[in-house]
Protein backbone atom coordinates (compact mmCIF):
# COMPACT_ATOMS: atom_id res chain seq x y z
CA MET A 1 22.95 14.31 50.73
CA ASN A 2 22.51 13.28 46.93
CA ALA A 3 19.75 14.63 45.38
CA PRO A 4 16.56 12.13 44.39
CA ALA A 5 16.49 10.26 40.96
CA THR A 6 14.60 12.07 38.80
CA ALA A 7 11.73 9.39 37.34
CA HIS A 8 11.36 8.98 33.76
CA GLN A 9 8.27 9.61 31.65
CA THR A 10 7.03 6.53 29.65
CA CYS A 11 7.62 7.30 25.98
CA ASP A 12 4.88 6.10 23.81
CA VAL A 13 5.82 4.18 21.18
CA THR A 14 4.24 2.88 18.11
CA VAL A 15 6.23 1.05 15.13
CA PHE A 16 5.83 0.14 11.93
CA PHE A 17 7.16 -2.85 10.37
CA ASP A 18 8.53 -3.26 7.10
CA GLU A 19 9.18 -6.89 6.65
CA ALA A 20 10.48 -6.41 2.82
CA THR A 21 13.15 -5.28 4.01
CA ASN A 22 12.71 -6.27 7.68
CA THR A 23 13.08 -2.93 9.37
CA VAL A 24 11.50 -1.47 12.63
CA SER A 25 10.13 2.26 12.15
CA MET A 26 9.43 3.81 14.70
CA VAL A 27 6.90 7.00 16.04
CA VAL A 28 8.32 7.95 19.39
CA ARG A 29 5.39 10.11 21.15
CA ASP A 30 5.32 12.57 24.00
CA PRO A 31 2.29 11.44 26.34
CA ALA A 32 1.71 14.83 27.47
CA SER A 33 1.73 17.20 24.28
CA SER A 34 0.93 16.56 20.66
CA ALA A 35 5.09 16.63 20.25
CA CYS A 36 6.70 13.09 18.52
CA ALA A 37 9.74 12.28 16.69
CA ILE A 38 9.79 9.72 14.08
CA VAL A 39 12.80 6.90 13.90
CA ASP A 40 14.68 5.17 11.25
CA SER A 41 11.80 5.90 8.49
CA VAL A 42 11.47 4.00 4.50
CA LEU A 43 11.18 4.57 1.23
CA ASP A 44 10.41 1.83 -0.30
CA PHE A 45 12.52 0.83 -3.36
CA ASP A 46 12.13 -2.01 -6.02
CA TYR A 47 15.08 -2.93 -7.36
CA ALA A 48 14.45 -4.44 -9.96
CA SER A 49 13.06 -1.52 -11.71
CA GLY A 50 14.60 1.02 -10.48
CA ARG A 51 11.26 2.50 -8.79
CA THR A 52 10.08 3.64 -5.54
CA ASP A 53 7.17 3.60 -3.55
CA THR A 54 5.99 5.56 -0.48
CA ARG A 55 3.39 3.18 1.09
CA SER A 56 5.60 2.57 4.22
CA ALA A 57 6.12 6.40 4.96
CA ASP A 58 2.75 6.97 4.23
CA ARG A 59 1.88 4.83 6.81
CA ILE A 60 3.34 7.11 9.54
CA ILE A 61 2.59 10.22 7.68
CA ASP A 62 -0.81 9.16 8.05
CA HIS A 63 -0.70 7.64 11.59
CA VAL A 64 0.68 10.92 12.59
CA ARG A 65 -1.77 12.69 11.13
CA ALA A 66 -4.38 10.25 12.45
CA GLU A 67 -3.13 11.14 15.96
CA GLY A 68 -3.04 15.08 15.47
CA LEU A 69 1.02 14.92 15.67
CA ASP A 70 3.36 17.48 15.32
CA PRO A 71 6.55 15.56 14.59
CA VAL A 72 9.77 17.72 16.13
CA TRP A 73 12.34 15.40 14.79
CA ILE A 74 13.33 12.26 11.99
CA LEU A 75 15.92 10.86 13.45
CA GLU A 76 18.54 8.49 12.01
CA THR A 77 20.49 6.10 14.03
CA HIS A 78 22.72 5.34 11.47
CA VAL A 79 23.85 5.70 7.25
CA HIS A 80 21.83 2.24 6.37
CA ALA A 81 22.66 -0.01 3.77
CA ASP A 82 19.62 -2.20 3.87
CA HIS A 83 16.88 0.38 3.11
CA LEU A 84 16.32 3.59 2.33
CA SER A 85 15.88 6.81 4.26
CA ALA A 86 12.11 8.23 3.56
CA ALA A 87 13.39 11.02 5.51
CA PRO A 88 12.99 14.09 3.98
CA TYR A 89 9.87 12.53 2.17
CA ILE A 90 8.60 13.11 5.48
CA GLN A 91 9.90 15.89 5.76
CA GLU A 92 8.00 17.79 3.39
CA ARG A 93 4.66 16.83 4.20
CA ILE A 94 5.00 16.87 8.07
CA GLY A 95 8.56 19.16 8.74
CA GLY A 96 10.49 17.73 11.49
CA LYS A 97 14.38 18.19 11.60
CA ILE A 98 16.52 15.65 9.95
CA GLY A 99 19.16 14.05 12.23
CA ILE A 100 21.76 11.84 12.40
CA GLY A 101 25.28 11.37 14.23
CA ALA A 102 28.08 14.04 14.00
CA ASN A 103 30.45 10.91 12.16
CA ILE A 104 28.17 11.17 9.13
CA THR A 105 31.10 13.32 7.79
CA VAL A 106 33.59 9.75 8.08
CA VAL A 107 30.82 7.47 5.73
CA GLN A 108 29.84 10.59 3.42
CA ASP A 109 34.24 10.52 3.22
CA THR A 110 34.37 6.80 3.12
CA PHE A 111 31.49 6.54 0.21
CA GLY A 112 32.17 9.92 -1.87
CA LYS A 113 34.72 7.95 -3.03
CA ILE A 114 33.88 4.43 -3.70
CA PHE A 115 31.43 6.11 -5.55
CA ASN A 116 33.23 8.68 -7.43
CA GLU A 117 30.77 10.75 -6.17
CA GLY A 118 33.38 14.45 -6.92
CA THR A 119 33.40 17.86 -5.23
CA GLU A 120 30.08 18.40 -5.50
CA PHE A 121 29.05 16.51 -3.02
CA GLN A 122 28.87 18.04 0.29
CA ARG A 123 31.23 15.59 2.40
CA ASP A 124 30.36 17.83 5.72
CA GLY A 125 26.97 16.96 6.75
CA SER A 126 25.27 20.05 5.87
CA GLN A 127 22.58 18.10 4.19
CA PHE A 128 21.30 17.54 7.31
CA ASP A 129 19.54 19.29 9.89
CA ARG A 130 20.99 18.48 12.89
CA LEU A 131 24.49 16.46 13.18
CA PHE A 132 24.20 14.93 17.28
CA SER A 133 27.22 14.59 19.03
CA ASP A 134 28.05 11.76 21.97
CA GLY A 135 26.05 13.17 25.01
CA ASP A 136 23.51 16.09 23.27
CA THR A 137 20.06 15.74 24.11
CA PHE A 138 17.17 17.22 22.41
CA GLU A 139 13.09 17.65 22.87
CA ILE A 140 10.20 15.76 22.00
CA GLY A 141 8.37 17.58 23.73
CA ALA A 142 8.06 17.19 27.68
CA LEU A 143 10.06 13.96 26.63
CA ARG A 144 14.16 14.49 26.70
CA GLY A 145 16.49 12.76 24.66
CA ARG A 146 19.96 11.64 25.32
CA VAL A 147 22.19 10.71 22.61
CA MET A 148 25.36 7.81 22.97
CA HIS A 149 27.52 7.41 19.87
CA THR A 150 28.02 3.79 19.80
CA PRO A 151 30.34 2.64 17.05
CA GLY A 152 31.06 -0.43 15.48
CA HIS A 153 28.37 -1.79 12.87
CA THR A 154 29.13 1.53 10.83
CA PRO A 155 31.48 4.84 12.53
CA ALA A 156 28.40 6.88 12.64
CA CYS A 157 26.14 4.82 14.94
CA LEU A 158 23.99 6.44 17.72
CA THR A 159 21.61 5.33 20.05
CA TYR A 160 18.74 7.18 21.56
CA VAL A 161 18.10 7.10 24.60
CA ILE A 162 14.60 8.84 25.64
CA GLU A 163 13.30 8.82 28.78
CA ASP A 164 12.49 5.12 29.93
CA CYS A 165 13.52 3.80 26.23
CA ALA A 166 16.51 3.24 24.39
CA PHE A 167 16.77 3.22 19.98
CA VAL A 168 19.88 1.58 19.56
CA GLY A 169 19.27 1.08 15.59
CA ASP A 170 21.44 -1.92 14.37
CA THR A 171 23.91 -2.18 17.24
CA LEU A 172 21.68 -4.74 19.21
CA PHE A 173 19.04 -6.98 18.00
CA MET A 174 16.53 -9.11 19.53
CA PRO A 175 18.58 -11.58 22.53
CA ASP A 176 17.96 -14.38 20.51
CA PHE A 177 19.09 -13.21 17.31
CA GLY A 178 22.08 -11.49 18.89
CA THR A 179 24.17 -8.59 17.23
CA ALA A 180 24.66 -6.27 14.17
CA ARG A 181 27.26 -7.02 11.43
CA CYS A 182 30.82 -4.85 11.41
CA ASP A 183 32.67 -5.55 7.97
CA PHE A 184 31.60 -2.42 6.35
CA PRO A 185 34.22 0.20 5.69
CA GLY A 186 34.65 2.13 8.89
CA GLY A 187 33.17 -1.13 10.54
CA SER A 188 34.73 -3.01 14.42
CA ALA A 189 34.16 -5.56 16.09
CA ALA A 190 35.99 -4.17 19.19
CA ASP A 191 33.96 -1.35 18.65
CA LEU A 192 31.03 -2.73 18.67
CA TYR A 193 31.33 -4.64 21.85
CA ASN A 194 32.55 -1.58 23.83
CA SER A 195 29.14 0.21 22.64
CA ILE A 196 27.08 -2.93 23.78
CA GLN A 197 29.42 -2.67 27.35
CA ARG A 198 27.40 1.67 27.16
CA ILE A 199 24.41 0.57 26.14
CA LEU A 200 23.91 -2.28 28.58
CA ALA A 201 25.32 -0.21 31.63
CA LEU A 202 22.15 1.55 31.08
CA PRO A 203 19.22 0.40 33.53
CA ASP A 204 17.39 -2.66 33.55
CA ASP A 205 14.24 -1.77 32.97
CA THR A 206 15.25 0.68 29.98
CA ARG A 207 13.31 -0.24 27.37
CA ILE A 208 15.52 -1.32 24.19
CA PHE A 209 13.71 -0.77 20.01
CA VAL A 210 15.83 -2.96 17.96
CA GLY A 211 16.33 -1.62 14.31
CA HIS A 212 15.07 -5.11 12.56
CA ASP A 213 14.14 -8.17 13.31
CA TYR A 214 14.57 -11.33 10.96
CA LYS A 215 13.05 -14.50 13.43
CA ALA A 216 15.53 -16.43 15.17
CA PRO A 217 15.22 -20.02 14.30
CA GLY A 218 12.45 -21.52 16.47
CA ARG A 219 10.52 -18.18 16.68
CA ASP A 220 6.85 -17.49 14.85
CA ALA A 221 6.91 -13.30 15.24
CA TYR A 222 8.46 -10.85 14.58
CA ALA A 223 9.86 -9.03 17.18
CA TRP A 224 12.00 -5.92 18.33
CA GLU A 225 11.28 -4.62 21.82
CA THR A 226 12.90 -5.95 24.86
CA THR A 227 15.20 -4.73 28.09
CA VAL A 228 18.77 -4.05 28.88
CA GLY A 229 18.54 -6.89 31.62
CA GLU A 230 16.79 -9.41 29.15
CA GLN A 231 19.94 -8.62 27.11
CA LYS A 232 22.72 -8.71 29.90
CA ALA A 233 21.02 -12.37 30.12
CA LEU A 234 20.26 -14.07 27.02
CA ASN A 235 21.96 -12.07 24.12
CA VAL A 236 22.99 -14.94 22.15
CA HIS A 237 25.92 -13.23 21.09
CA VAL A 238 27.58 -10.69 24.77
CA GLY A 239 24.83 -11.78 27.16
CA ALA A 240 26.25 -13.93 30.21
CA GLY A 241 29.58 -11.30 30.57
CA LYS A 242 30.78 -12.58 27.50
CA PRO A 243 34.89 -11.19 26.97
CA ILE A 244 35.17 -9.19 24.48
CA GLU A 245 37.75 -11.69 22.70
CA ASP A 246 35.47 -14.06 22.12
CA PHE A 247 32.51 -11.96 20.88
CA VAL A 248 35.77 -10.05 18.34
CA SER A 249 36.27 -13.66 16.82
CA MET A 250 32.78 -14.68 16.75
CA ARG A 251 31.93 -12.02 14.73
CA THR A 252 34.81 -11.76 12.64
CA ALA A 253 34.44 -15.37 11.46
CA ARG A 254 30.96 -15.19 11.24
CA ASP A 255 30.62 -11.78 9.14
CA LYS A 256 33.06 -13.16 6.36
CA THR A 257 30.24 -15.87 5.62
CA LEU A 258 27.59 -12.71 5.15
CA GLY A 259 26.78 -11.64 2.11
CA MET A 260 26.22 -7.71 1.40
CA PRO A 261 22.67 -6.79 1.97
CA ARG A 262 20.52 -6.81 -1.23
CA LEU A 263 19.60 -2.74 -1.31
CA ILE A 264 23.27 -1.67 -0.48
CA ILE A 265 23.92 -0.15 -3.81
CA PRO A 266 21.31 2.33 -3.52
CA SER A 267 20.86 2.29 0.11
CA LEU A 268 24.32 3.86 0.77
CA GLN A 269 24.16 6.65 -2.03
CA VAL A 270 20.82 8.22 -0.88
CA ASN A 271 20.88 7.82 2.81
CA MET A 272 24.88 9.68 2.93
CA ARG A 273 22.83 12.97 1.32
CA ALA A 274 19.77 12.54 4.16
CA GLY A 275 17.58 10.30 2.40
CA GLN A 276 17.81 12.57 -1.42
CA MET A 277 18.83 10.96 -4.49
CA PRO A 278 21.92 11.89 -6.35
CA PRO A 279 21.08 14.98 -8.49
CA ALA A 280 19.52 13.84 -11.89
CA GLU A 281 21.59 14.25 -15.37
CA ASP A 282 21.01 16.46 -18.15
CA ASN A 283 18.34 14.17 -19.92
CA GLU A 284 16.88 14.68 -16.08
CA THR A 285 17.11 11.06 -15.22
CA VAL A 286 18.11 10.77 -11.79
CA TYR A 287 20.74 7.45 -12.21
CA LEU A 288 22.54 4.76 -9.16
CA LYS A 289 25.98 3.89 -9.54
CA VAL A 290 26.92 0.15 -9.17
CA PRO A 291 31.19 0.79 -7.95
CA VAL A 292 32.29 -3.08 -9.38
CA ASN A 293 34.00 -5.50 -6.73
CA ARG A 294 34.42 -2.45 -4.75
CA LEU A 295 32.28 -3.72 -1.51
């Protein structure tokens, strides 16, 4: 006789939306304790001046302190190409281990070459505290998390399934906006489709939190929470059982029309280092490179 299924606890999720980069950052709290995790934080960056600002990260830090929370994890769903991570800034101030997918090493190798980082740049993921592989588990107090490797947008993309919630990064957007691009180095539309099918195999009432929102045509407000059932039925790119051949054809054609994200150059150099800037040069100034005609 099969044992009854264990009921999932409900995550307490607080969302912080950065309109400048359309990024959704989240604090995931264990309702039974003070333990929490921070997902996909943002370090503000003004490209024209080359200046950073911590106002977005400080909003998260202020919330964590005001609620008396204890961050145990600072989670990255992938190496973001559209915003800089604030993970080390947050870690220095309120703690937590920085985690990302084990395939970060693939991303580091690819972009280490593109940015000509040399042998001093470690390509083993050692900048992060934990490298997650598919099927790994972790805890946030009494909450149990499970890792799904969901490549396609990038080779290192993860979905964090924490009790009744799935934090999908850029793999899926809201149903009326569709799915992520797959034309960055190491991306694959076929891999993305297969990754999405794994997410859609979760229970229909699983809450999905997306990593970005751009307000689809006809929608006035930003949104970031949906469900597996809604995605299966309504996602404009993969819903209603769309076959892989149709998806790959659509995604490939669509990606050819997209420009590069505004902050891709600084984001990749910083985020592949777990949010750290490149080493300062002999004049004690940090520089970010612009590879010409490479991306």
